[in-house]
Amino acid sequence: MTILANTDHQGEAIVAGDNVKILSIPAWLTHDLPEEDVTSLKRLEGTVMKVLEIDAHGYVWFGSSNNGRWFCLRPNELQVIRS
């Protein structure tokens, strides 16, 4: 499996704890999900979320430290938000 570069769509480095804007929810993520889950994920398009972790393959995970991973995206599907 290819390891993804840990950079957003503009080449900005992404690390766990960063705030990132979700540019879109891609079909590769939603194609086998129930409609209710797809609707919940699509609502996140354009929102800013904190990166929970980046796995060994380079996928960026979202969720919470209490409940764990919820979903992941590829780094190039995100935009880092710097204060």
PDB file of N, CA and C in Angstrom:
ATOM      1  N   MET A   1       0.840  -1.186   0.000  1.00  0.00           N
ATOM      2  CA  MET A   1       0.000   0.000   0.000  1.00  0.00           C
ATOM      3  C   MET A   1       0.884   1.247   0.000  1.00  0.00           C
ATOM      4  N   THR A   2       0.489   2.221  -0.755  1.00  0.00           N
ATOM      5  CA  THR A   2       1.211   3.483  -0.836  1.00  0.00           C
ATOM      6  C   THR A   2       0.984   4.306   0.427  1.00  0.00           C
ATOM      7  N   ILE A   3       2.045   4.929   0.899  1.00  0.00           N
ATOM      8  CA  ILE A   3       1.922   5.838   2.045  1.00  0.00           C
ATOM      9  C   ILE A   3       1.664   7.238   1.505  1.00  0.00           C
ATOM     10  N   LEU A   4       0.602   7.862   1.972  1.00  0.00           N
ATOM     11  CA  LEU A   4       0.220   9.193   1.512  1.00  0.00           C
ATOM     12  C   LEU A   4       1.119  10.257   2.117  1.00  0.00           C
ATOM     13  N   ALA A   5       1.387  11.304   1.343  1.00  0.00           N
ATOM     14  CA  ALA A   5       2.146  12.451   1.854  1.00  0.00           C
ATOM     15  C   ALA A   5       1.297  13.156   2.902  1.00  0.00           C
ATOM     16  N   ASN A   6       1.928  13.621   3.975  1.00  0.00           N
ATOM     17  CA  ASN A   6       1.164  14.282   5.053  1.00  0.00           C
ATOM     18  C   ASN A   6       1.023  15.779   4.797  1.00  0.00           C
ATOM     19  N   THR A   7       0.588  16.116   3.584  1.00  0.00           N
ATOM     20  CA  THR A   7       0.375  17.512   3.230  1.00  0.00           C
ATOM     21  C   THR A   7      -1.034  17.707   2.687  1.00  0.00           C
ATOM     22  N   ASP A   8      -1.596  18.881   2.983  1.00  0.00           N
ATOM     23  CA  ASP A   8      -2.943  19.189   2.516  1.00  0.00           C
ATOM     24  C   ASP A   8      -2.946  19.501   1.022  1.00  0.00           C
ATOM     25  N   HIS A   9      -4.081  19.932   0.512  1.00  0.00           N
ATOM     26  CA  HIS A   9      -4.225  20.175  -0.926  1.00  0.00           C
ATOM     27  C   HIS A   9      -3.321  21.306  -1.430  1.00  0.00           C
ATOM     28  N   GLN A  10      -2.778  22.112  -0.544  1.00  0.00           N
ATOM     29  CA  GLN A  10      -1.878  23.203  -0.933  1.00  0.00           C
ATOM     30  C   GLN A  10      -0.425  22.910  -0.579  1.00  0.00           C
ATOM     31  N   GLY A  11      -0.141  21.698  -0.069  1.00  0.00           N
ATOM     32  CA  GLY A  11       1.224  21.332   0.271  1.00  0.00           C
ATOM     33  C   GLY A  11       1.641  21.673   1.690  1.00  0.00           C
ATOM     34  N   GLU A  12       0.696  22.119   2.516  1.00  0.00           N
ATOM     35  CA  GLU A  12       0.967  22.460   3.921  1.00  0.00           C
ATOM     36  C   GLU A  12       0.997  21.174   4.752  1.00  0.00           C
ATOM     37  N   ALA A  13       2.006  21.022   5.600  1.00  0.00           N
ATOM     38  CA  ALA A  13       2.131  19.826   6.441  1.00  0.00           C
ATOM     39  C   ALA A  13       0.971  19.713   7.420  1.00  0.00           C
ATOM     40  N   ILE A  14       0.508  18.479   7.635  1.00  0.00           N
ATOM     41  CA  ILE A  14      -0.560  18.191   8.586  1.00  0.00           C
ATOM     42  C   ILE A  14       0.012  17.299   9.681  1.00  0.00           C
ATOM     43  N   VAL A  15      -0.289  17.652  10.937  1.00  0.00           N
ATOM     44  CA  VAL A  15       0.103  16.814  12.075  1.00  0.00           C
ATOM     45  C   VAL A  15      -1.107  16.647  12.995  1.00  0.00           C
ATOM     46  N   ALA A  16      -1.070  15.601  13.815  1.00  0.00           N
ATOM     47  CA  ALA A  16      -2.141  15.377  14.785  1.00  0.00           C
ATOM     48  C   ALA A  16      -2.307  16.616  15.648  1.00  0.00           C
ATOM     49  N   GLY A  17      -3.552  16.984  15.897  1.00  0.00           N
ATOM     50  CA  GLY A  17      -3.857  18.173  16.685  1.00  0.00           C
ATOM     51  C   GLY A  17      -4.142  19.401  15.842  1.00  0.00           C
ATOM     52  N   ASP A  18      -3.767  19.375  14.561  1.00  0.00           N
ATOM     53  CA  ASP A  18      -4.059  20.512  13.677  1.00  0.00           C
ATOM     54  C   ASP A  18      -5.557  20.655  13.459  1.00  0.00           C
ATOM     55  N   ASN A  19      -5.989  21.886  13.249  1.00  0.00           N
ATOM     56  CA  ASN A  19      -7.336  22.157  12.773  1.00  0.00           C
ATOM     57  C   ASN A  19      -7.290  22.187  11.259  1.00  0.00           C
ATOM     58  N   VAL A  20      -8.213  21.448  10.632  1.00  0.00           N
ATOM     59  CA  VAL A  20      -8.254  21.388   9.175  1.00  0.00           C
ATOM     60  C   VAL A  20      -9.685  21.579   8.692  1.00  0.00           C
ATOM     61  N   LYS A  21      -9.812  22.176   7.522  1.00  0.00           N
ATOM     62  CA  LYS A  21     -11.111  22.331   6.878  1.00  0.00           C
ATOM     63  C   LYS A  21     -11.333  21.119   5.985  1.00  0.00           C
ATOM     64  N   ILE A  22     -12.488  20.521   6.103  1.00  0.00           N
ATOM     65  CA  ILE A  22     -12.843  19.380   5.256  1.00  0.00           C
ATOM     66  C   ILE A  22     -13.396  19.931   3.955  1.00  0.00           C
ATOM     67  N   LEU A  23     -12.648  19.734   2.874  1.00  0.00           N
ATOM     68  CA  LEU A  23     -13.025  20.307   1.582  1.00  0.00           C
ATOM     69  C   LEU A  23     -14.192  19.563   0.955  1.00  0.00           C
ATOM     70  N   SER A  24     -14.193  18.251   1.079  1.00  0.00           N
ATOM     71  CA  SER A  24     -15.311  17.448   0.574  1.00  0.00           C
ATOM     72  C   SER A  24     -15.258  16.070   1.212  1.00  0.00           C
ATOM     73  N   ILE A  25     -16.393  15.411   1.189  1.00  0.00           N
ATOM     74  CA  ILE A  25     -16.467  14.022   1.626  1.00  0.00           C
ATOM     75  C   ILE A  25     -16.510  13.188   0.339  1.00  0.00           C
ATOM     76  N   PRO A  26     -15.461  12.419   0.079  1.00  0.00           N
ATOM     77  CA  PRO A  26     -15.344  11.713  -1.198  1.00  0.00           C
ATOM     78  C   PRO A  26     -16.184  10.434  -1.279  1.00  0.00           C
ATOM     79  N   ALA A  27     -16.479  10.037  -2.499  1.00  0.00           N
ATOM     80  CA  ALA A  27     -17.261   8.825  -2.745  1.00  0.00           C
ATOM     81  C   ALA A  27     -16.551   7.574  -2.246  1.00  0.00           C
ATOM     82  N   TRP A  28     -15.205   7.552  -2.257  1.00  0.00           N
ATOM     83  CA  TRP A  28     -14.506   6.352  -1.786  1.00  0.00           C
ATOM     84  C   TRP A  28     -14.831   6.066  -0.319  1.00  0.00           C
ATOM     85  N   LEU A  29     -15.186   7.097   0.432  1.00  0.00           N
ATOM     86  CA  LEU A  29     -15.505   6.935   1.849  1.00  0.00           C
ATOM     87  C   LEU A  29     -16.960   6.504   2.053  1.00  0.00           C
ATOM     88  N   THR A  30     -17.855   7.000   1.224  1.00  0.00           N
ATOM     89  CA  THR A  30     -19.288   6.828   1.476  1.00  0.00           C
ATOM     90  C   THR A  30     -19.975   5.752   0.635  1.00  0.00           C
ATOM     91  N   HIS A  31     -19.297   5.185  -0.346  1.00  0.00           N
ATOM     92  CA  HIS A  31     -19.977   4.326  -1.325  1.00  0.00           C
ATOM     93  C   HIS A  31     -20.692   3.113  -0.741  1.00  0.00           C
ATOM     94  N   ASP A  32     -20.274   2.580   0.386  1.00  0.00           N
ATOM     95  CA  ASP A  32     -20.931   1.401   0.974  1.00  0.00           C
ATOM     96  C   ASP A  32     -21.667   1.708   2.279  1.00  0.00           C
ATOM     97  N   LEU A  33     -21.804   2.977   2.605  1.00  0.00           N
ATOM     98  CA  LEU A  33     -22.417   3.347   3.879  1.00  0.00           C
ATOM     99  C   LEU A  33     -23.929   3.517   3.756  1.00  0.00           C
ATOM    100  N   PRO A  34     -24.645   3.315   4.857  1.00  0.00           N
ATOM    101  CA  PRO A  34     -26.082   3.622   4.866  1.00  0.00           C
ATOM    102  C   PRO A  34     -26.306   5.116   4.630  1.00  0.00           C
ATOM    103  N   GLU A  35     -27.443   5.452   4.050  1.00  0.00           N
ATOM    104  CA  GLU A  35     -27.758   6.848   3.702  1.00  0.00           C
ATOM    105  C   GLU A  35     -27.660   7.772   4.915  1.00  0.00           C
ATOM    106  N   GLU A  36     -28.054   7.308   6.071  1.00  0.00           N
ATOM    107  CA  GLU A  36     -27.979   8.122   7.293  1.00  0.00           C
ATOM    108  C   GLU A  36     -26.533   8.528   7.600  1.00  0.00           C
ATOM    109  N   ASP A  37     -25.602   7.594   7.443  1.00  0.00           N
ATOM    110  CA  ASP A  37     -24.190   7.889   7.684  1.00  0.00           C
ATOM    111  C   ASP A  37     -23.631   8.831   6.621  1.00  0.00           C
ATOM    112  N   VAL A  38     -24.041   8.621   5.376  1.00  0.00           N
ATOM    113  CA  VAL A  38     -23.594   9.505   4.284  1.00  0.00           C
ATOM    114  C   VAL A  38     -24.057  10.927   4.562  1.00  0.00           C
ATOM    115  N   THR A  39     -25.304  11.091   4.980  1.00  0.00           N
ATOM    116  CA  THR A  39     -25.850  12.419   5.283  1.00  0.00           C
ATOM    117  C   THR A  39     -25.062  13.076   6.412  1.00  0.00           C
ATOM    118  N   SER A  40     -24.762  12.313   7.451  1.00  0.00           N
ATOM    119  CA  SER A  40     -23.989  12.850   8.587  1.00  0.00           C
ATOM    120  C   SER A  40     -22.606  13.308   8.145  1.00  0.00           C
ATOM    121  N   LEU A  41     -21.951  12.514   7.322  1.00  0.00           N
ATOM    122  CA  LEU A  41     -20.616  12.889   6.842  1.00  0.00           C
ATOM    123  C   LEU A  41     -20.668  14.083   5.902  1.00  0.00           C
ATOM    124  N   LYS A  42     -21.642  14.112   4.996  1.00  0.00           N
ATOM    125  CA  LYS A  42     -21.746  15.223   4.037  1.00  0.00           C
ATOM    126  C   LYS A  42     -21.963  16.560   4.743  1.00  0.00           C
ATOM    127  N   ARG A  43     -22.596  16.536   5.906  1.00  0.00           N
ATOM    128  CA  ARG A  43     -22.805  17.777   6.680  1.00  0.00           C
ATOM    129  C   ARG A  43     -21.485  18.389   7.134  1.00  0.00           C
ATOM    130  N   LEU A  44     -20.437  17.577   7.154  1.00  0.00           N
ATOM    131  CA  LEU A  44     -19.131  18.060   7.611  1.00  0.00           C
ATOM    132  C   LEU A  44     -18.347  18.800   6.531  1.00  0.00           C
ATOM    133  N   GLU A  45     -18.788  18.730   5.279  1.00  0.00           N
ATOM    134  CA  GLU A  45     -18.095  19.452   4.207  1.00  0.00           C
ATOM    135  C   GLU A  45     -18.059  20.936   4.531  1.00  0.00           C
ATOM    136  N   GLY A  46     -16.857  21.507   4.467  1.00  0.00           N
ATOM    137  CA  GLY A  46     -16.686  22.933   4.733  1.00  0.00           C
ATOM    138  C   GLY A  46     -16.472  23.273   6.191  1.00  0.00           C
ATOM    139  N   THR A  47     -16.576  22.291   7.079  1.00  0.00           N
ATOM    140  CA  THR A  47     -16.371  22.560   8.498  1.00  0.00           C
ATOM    141  C   THR A  47     -14.905  22.363   8.879  1.00  0.00           C
ATOM    142  N   VAL A  48     -14.544  22.885  10.045  1.00  0.00           N
ATOM    143  CA  VAL A  48     -13.184  22.743  10.571  1.00  0.00           C
ATOM    144  C   VAL A  48     -13.223  21.731  11.705  1.00  0.00           C
ATOM    145  N   MET A  49     -12.308  20.770  11.642  1.00  0.00           N
ATOM    146  CA  MET A  49     -12.212  19.745  12.680  1.00  0.00           C
ATOM    147  C   MET A  49     -10.754  19.564  13.076  1.00  0.00           C
ATOM    148  N   LYS A  50     -10.571  19.035  14.267  1.00  0.00           N
ATOM    149  CA  LYS A  50      -9.226  18.754  14.775  1.00  0.00           C
ATOM    150  C   LYS A  50      -8.815  17.344  14.358  1.00  0.00           C
ATOM    151  N   VAL A  51      -7.564  17.207  13.902  1.00  0.00           N
ATOM    152  CA  VAL A  51      -7.016  15.913  13.503  1.00  0.00           C
ATOM    153  C   VAL A  51      -6.748  15.097  14.770  1.00  0.00           C
ATOM    154  N   LEU A  52      -7.339  13.913  14.838  1.00  0.00           N
ATOM    155  CA  LEU A  52      -7.125  13.020  15.971  1.00  0.00           C
ATOM    156  C   LEU A  52      -5.768  12.330  15.845  1.00  0.00           C
ATOM    157  N   GLU A  53      -5.504  11.776  14.667  1.00  0.00           N
ATOM    158  CA  GLU A  53      -4.227  11.113  14.420  1.00  0.00           C
ATOM    159  C   GLU A  53      -4.032  10.908  12.929  1.00  0.00           C
ATOM    160  N   ILE A  54      -2.810  10.576  12.567  1.00  0.00           N
ATOM    161  CA  ILE A  54      -2.477  10.211  11.194  1.00  0.00           C
ATOM    162  C   ILE A  54      -1.909   8.803  11.271  1.00  0.00           C
ATOM    163  N   ASP A  55      -2.523   7.873  10.532  1.00  0.00           N
ATOM    164  CA  ASP A  55      -2.101   6.477  10.650  1.00  0.00           C
ATOM    165  C   ASP A  55      -0.839   6.188   9.842  1.00  0.00           C
ATOM    166  N   ALA A  56      -0.366   4.972   9.919  1.00  0.00           N
ATOM    167  CA  ALA A  56       0.887   4.567   9.275  1.00  0.00           C
ATOM    168  C   ALA A  56       0.834   4.665   7.756  1.00  0.00           C
ATOM    169  N   HIS A  57      -0.375   4.716   7.180  1.00  0.00           N
ATOM    170  CA  HIS A  57      -0.525   4.824   5.729  1.00  0.00           C
ATOM    171  C   HIS A  57      -0.717   6.271   5.280  1.00  0.00           C
ATOM    172  N   GLY A  58      -0.819   7.187   6.241  1.00  0.00           N
ATOM    173  CA  GLY A  58      -0.960   8.604   5.934  1.00  0.00           C
ATOM    174  C   GLY A  58      -2.384   9.123   5.957  1.00  0.00           C
ATOM    175  N   TYR A  59      -3.361   8.261   6.286  1.00  0.00           N
ATOM    176  CA  TYR A  59      -4.742   8.724   6.361  1.00  0.00           C
ATOM    177  C   TYR A  59      -4.942   9.555   7.623  1.00  0.00           C
ATOM    178  N   VAL A  60      -5.716  10.628   7.484  1.00  0.00           N
ATOM    179  CA  VAL A  60      -5.975  11.565   8.572  1.00  0.00           C
ATOM    180  C   VAL A  60      -7.292  11.166   9.239  1.00  0.00           C
ATOM    181  N   TRP A  61      -7.224  10.870  10.538  1.00  0.00           N
ATOM    182  CA  TRP A  61      -8.387  10.396  11.282  1.00  0.00           C
ATOM    183  C   TRP A  61      -9.001  11.491  12.142  1.00  0.00           C
ATOM    184  N   PHE A  62     -10.329  11.431  12.206  1.00  0.00           N
ATOM    185  CA  PHE A  62     -11.117  12.355  13.009  1.00  0.00           C
ATOM    186  C   PHE A  62     -11.940  11.547  14.001  1.00  0.00           C
ATOM    187  N   GLY A  63     -12.220  12.141  15.132  1.00  0.00           N
ATOM    188  CA  GLY A  63     -12.984  11.497  16.191  1.00  0.00           C
ATOM    189  C   GLY A  63     -12.682  12.205  17.488  1.00  0.00           C
ATOM    190  N   SER A  64     -12.637  11.434  18.562  1.00  0.00           N
ATOM    191  CA  SER A  64     -12.320  12.036  19.859  1.00  0.00           C
ATOM    192  C   SER A  64     -11.447  11.082  20.656  1.00  0.00           C
ATOM    193  N   SER A  65     -10.715  11.645  21.587  1.00  0.00           N
ATOM    194  CA  SER A  65      -9.858  10.810  22.425  1.00  0.00           C
ATOM    195  C   SER A  65     -10.699   9.882  23.309  1.00  0.00           C
ATOM    196  N   ASN A  66     -11.936  10.275  23.601  1.00  0.00           N
ATOM    197  CA  ASN A  66     -12.827   9.443  24.422  1.00  0.00           C
ATOM    198  C   ASN A  66     -13.451   8.302  23.625  1.00  0.00           C
ATOM    199  N   ASN A  67     -13.905   8.598  22.409  1.00  0.00           N
ATOM    200  CA  ASN A  67     -14.649   7.618  21.606  1.00  0.00           C
ATOM    201  C   ASN A  67     -13.832   7.009  20.476  1.00  0.00           C
ATOM    202  N   GLY A  68     -12.614   7.482  20.279  1.00  0.00           N
ATOM    203  CA  GLY A  68     -11.753   6.930  19.235  1.00  0.00           C
ATOM    204  C   GLY A  68     -12.058   7.445  17.845  1.00  0.00           C
ATOM    205  N   ARG A  69     -11.574   6.702  16.872  1.00  0.00           N
ATOM    206  CA  ARG A  69     -11.707   7.094  15.464  1.00  0.00           C
ATOM    207  C   ARG A  69     -13.150   7.023  14.977  1.00  0.00           C
ATOM    208  N   TRP A  70     -13.499   8.012  14.151  1.00  0.00           N
ATOM    209  CA  TRP A  70     -14.830   8.018  13.553  1.00  0.00           C
ATOM    210  C   TRP A  70     -14.712   7.796  12.042  1.00  0.00           C
ATOM    211  N   PHE A  71     -13.888   8.606  11.354  1.00  0.00           N
ATOM    212  CA  PHE A  71     -13.690   8.458   9.917  1.00  0.00           C
ATOM    213  C   PHE A  71     -12.344   9.051   9.543  1.00  0.00           C
ATOM    214  N   CYS A  72     -11.888   8.726   8.345  1.00  0.00           N
ATOM    215  CA  CYS A  72     -10.611   9.264   7.874  1.00  0.00           C
ATOM    216  C   CYS A  72     -10.769   9.855   6.484  1.00  0.00           C
ATOM    217  N   LEU A  73      -9.821  10.719   6.138  1.00  0.00           N
ATOM    218  CA  LEU A  73      -9.734  11.306   4.806  1.00  0.00           C
ATOM    219  C   LEU A  73      -8.284  11.285   4.370  1.00  0.00           C
ATOM    220  N   ARG A  74      -8.082  11.453   3.085  1.00  0.00           N
ATOM    221  CA  ARG A  74      -6.728  11.607   2.565  1.00  0.00           C
ATOM    222  C   ARG A  74      -6.287  13.038   2.832  1.00  0.00           C
ATOM    223  N   PRO A  75      -5.014  13.252   3.095  1.00  0.00           N
ATOM    224  CA  PRO A  75      -4.534  14.607   3.420  1.00  0.00           C
ATOM    225  C   PRO A  75      -4.860  15.654   2.348  1.00  0.00           C
ATOM    226  N   ASN A  76      -4.838  15.256   1.067  1.00  0.00           N
ATOM    227  CA  ASN A  76      -5.097  16.228   0.004  1.00  0.00           C
ATOM    228  C   ASN A  76      -6.568  16.614  -0.119  1.00  0.00           C
ATOM    229  N   GLU A  77      -7.425  16.045   0.728  1.00  0.00           N
ATOM    230  CA  GLU A  77      -8.839  16.393   0.769  1.00  0.00           C
ATOM    231  C   GLU A  77      -9.129  17.404   1.879  1.00  0.00           C
ATOM    232  N   LEU A  78      -8.039  17.957   2.432  1.00  0.00           N
ATOM    233  CA  LEU A  78      -8.136  18.850   3.579  1.00  0.00           C
ATOM    234  C   LEU A  78      -7.361  20.143   3.353  1.00  0.00           C
ATOM    235  N   GLN A  79      -7.656  21.144   4.170  1.00  0.00           N
ATOM    236  CA  GLN A  79      -6.908  22.400   4.179  1.00  0.00           C
ATOM    237  C   GLN A  79      -6.556  22.727   5.615  1.00  0.00           C
ATOM    238  N   VAL A  80      -5.269  22.854   5.898  1.00  0.00           N
ATOM    239  CA  VAL A  80      -4.809  23.201   7.246  1.00  0.00           C
ATOM    240  C   VAL A  80      -5.249  24.631   7.558  1.00  0.00           C
ATOM    241  N   ILE A  81      -5.737  24.851   8.762  1.00  0.00           N
ATOM    242  CA  ILE A  81      -6.132  26.179   9.231  1.00  0.00           C
ATOM    243  C   ILE A  81      -5.148  26.597  10.303  1.00  0.00           C
ATOM    244  N   ARG A  82      -4.372  27.615  10.027  1.00  0.00           N
ATOM    245  CA  ARG A  82      -3.386  28.138  10.991  1.00  0.00           C
ATOM    246  C   ARG A  82      -3.948  29.423  11.588  1.00  0.00           C
ATOM    247  N   SER A  83      -3.797  29.561  12.893  1.00  0.00           N
ATOM    248  CA  SER A  83      -4.284  30.776  13.581  1.00  0.00           C
ATOM    249  C   SER A  83      -3.304  31.911  13.423  1.00  0.00           C
TER     250      SER A  83
END
